[in-house]
């Protein structure tokens, strides 16, 4: 179930309304880089195995959209989502594909709007800032 969530979560970040889909890149622990096209994402077992997965806003691969480490098919560590201007919009923590620890959300001006705390995938608290 978690792997299905991870795959859906990652795929949903690759597809933007009205925008060109930019293929993601995975940097594997051995230093090799793999660019995954749409067909790979749907059928290639190597898509969510292990490595640093990056998606981009642009086809020249200069504006990072998402950054996450995949370990054995699961999101592990910090997940980052940036807006098109390069500002951090979301910083979340995952352990074995499950939300863990604090998640932070900023608006487009870089002002912290919300902080959430997760324990083993369960939302324990939310603090909203005005």
Protein backbone atom coordinates (compact mmCIF):
# COMPACT_ATOMS: atom_id res chain seq x y z
CA UNK A 1 0.00 0.00 0.00
CA UNK A 2 2.78 2.44 0.88
CA UNK A 3 4.60 1.81 -2.40
CA UNK A 4 1.38 2.55 -4.27
CA UNK A 5 1.06 5.81 -2.30
CA UNK A 6 4.68 6.75 -2.99
CA UNK A 7 4.28 6.06 -6.70
CA UNK A 8 1.03 8.04 -6.87
CA UNK A 9 2.49 10.85 -4.77
CA UNK A 10 5.56 11.16 -6.94
CA UNK A 11 3.61 10.86 -10.18
CA UNK A 12 1.14 13.52 -9.06
CA UNK A 13 4.05 15.91 -8.57
CA UNK A 14 5.31 15.25 -12.11
CA UNK A 15 2.08 16.21 -13.81
CA UNK A 16 1.10 19.86 -13.74
CA UNK A 17 -2.07 21.33 -15.17
CA UNK A 18 -1.43 23.12 -18.44
CA UNK A 19 2.35 22.64 -18.24
CA UNK A 20 4.79 20.42 -20.07
CA UNK A 21 5.66 17.30 -18.09
CA UNK A 22 9.38 17.26 -17.31
CA UNK A 23 10.80 13.78 -16.83
CA UNK A 24 12.27 13.14 -13.36
CA UNK A 25 15.88 12.24 -12.68
CA UNK A 26 17.08 9.74 -10.09
CA UNK A 27 20.64 9.91 -8.82
CA UNK A 28 21.54 6.47 -7.56
CA UNK A 29 23.91 5.72 -4.65
CA UNK A 30 26.59 4.53 -7.09
CA UNK A 31 26.58 7.98 -8.72
CA UNK A 32 24.78 6.97 -11.91
CA UNK A 33 21.93 9.12 -13.13
CA UNK A 34 18.74 7.78 -14.69
CA UNK A 35 16.16 9.94 -16.45
CA UNK A 36 12.73 8.34 -16.35
CA UNK A 37 10.21 9.12 -19.06
CA UNK A 38 6.47 8.55 -18.70
CA UNK A 39 6.67 4.94 -19.93
CA UNK A 40 9.47 4.17 -17.45
CA UNK A 41 7.44 5.58 -14.58
CA UNK A 42 4.51 3.38 -15.44
CA UNK A 43 6.39 0.14 -16.18
CA UNK A 44 9.98 0.25 -14.97
CA UNK A 45 10.60 -1.46 -11.62
CA UNK A 46 13.72 0.69 -11.14
CA UNK A 47 11.66 3.91 -10.90
CA UNK A 48 11.21 4.01 -7.14
CA UNK A 49 13.99 1.87 -5.75
CA UNK A 50 16.89 3.79 -4.25
CA UNK A 51 18.44 7.19 -4.85
CA UNK A 52 17.82 10.91 -4.87
CA UNK A 53 14.78 11.69 -7.00
CA UNK A 54 14.47 15.15 -8.52
CA UNK A 55 11.71 16.69 -10.60
CA UNK A 56 12.01 20.00 -12.41
CA UNK A 57 9.86 22.93 -13.49
CA UNK A 58 11.84 23.41 -16.72
CA UNK A 59 13.24 21.24 -19.50
CA UNK A 60 16.77 22.59 -18.97
CA UNK A 61 16.77 21.02 -15.48
CA UNK A 62 17.69 24.24 -13.67
CA UNK A 63 14.57 24.80 -11.52
CA UNK A 64 14.01 22.00 -9.02
CA UNK A 65 10.36 21.25 -8.25
CA UNK A 66 10.70 18.30 -5.85
CA UNK A 67 13.57 16.58 -4.12
CA UNK A 68 13.27 13.36 -2.14
CA UNK A 69 15.43 10.40 -1.22
CA UNK A 70 14.03 6.99 -2.12
CA UNK A 71 15.28 3.97 -0.19
CA UNK A 72 14.01 0.50 -1.13
CA UNK A 73 11.02 2.04 -2.90
CA UNK A 74 10.04 4.26 0.05
CA UNK A 75 10.47 7.96 0.71
CA UNK A 76 13.02 8.38 3.51
CA UNK A 77 14.26 11.60 5.03
CA UNK A 78 13.39 15.06 3.86
CA UNK A 79 10.96 15.81 1.02
CA UNK A 80 11.18 19.32 -0.43
CA UNK A 81 8.77 21.09 -2.77
CA UNK A 82 9.80 24.38 -4.39
CA UNK A 83 7.64 26.85 -6.32
CA UNK A 84 8.60 27.99 -9.83
CA UNK A 85 10.56 30.93 -8.40
CA UNK A 86 12.72 28.53 -6.36
CA UNK A 87 11.22 29.28 -2.95
CA UNK A 88 10.65 26.40 -0.56
CA UNK A 89 6.91 25.72 -0.21
CA UNK A 90 6.95 22.46 1.74
CA UNK A 91 9.48 20.56 3.82
CA UNK A 92 8.31 17.20 5.12
CA UNK A 93 9.92 14.22 6.82
CA UNK A 94 9.31 10.58 5.97
CA UNK A 95 10.49 7.28 7.39
CA UNK A 96 9.88 4.15 5.32
CA UNK A 97 7.26 6.03 3.25
CA UNK A 98 5.31 7.26 6.27
CA UNK A 99 5.06 10.82 7.53
CA UNK A 100 7.24 11.27 10.59
CA UNK A 101 8.21 14.36 12.54
CA UNK A 102 7.54 17.92 11.51
CA UNK A 103 6.16 19.17 8.20
CA UNK A 104 6.40 22.86 7.30
CA UNK A 105 4.43 24.84 4.71
CA UNK A 106 5.25 28.35 3.42
CA UNK A 107 3.38 30.77 1.18
CA UNK A 108 4.83 32.22 -2.04
CA UNK A 109 6.44 35.07 -0.11
CA UNK A 110 8.38 32.66 2.10
CA UNK A 111 6.27 33.18 5.22
CA UNK A 112 5.61 30.10 7.36
CA UNK A 113 1.88 29.34 7.23
CA UNK A 114 1.55 25.97 8.95
CA UNK A 115 3.53 23.41 10.93
CA UNK A 116 2.33 19.86 11.49
CA UNK A 117 3.68 17.05 13.61
CA UNK A 118 3.31 13.41 12.57
CA UNK A 119 4.04 10.29 14.59
CA UNK A 120 4.08 7.05 12.57
CA UNK A 121 1.89 8.60 9.86
CA UNK A 122 -0.69 10.02 12.24
CA UNK A 123 -1.19 13.79 12.42
CA UNK A 124 -0.74 14.76 16.08
CA UNK A 125 -0.78 18.55 15.96
CA UNK A 126 -1.15 21.51 13.63
CA UNK A 127 -0.07 25.08 14.25
CA UNK A 128 -1.34 27.74 11.83
CA UNK A 129 0.35 31.09 11.47
CA UNK A 130 -1.41 34.20 10.16
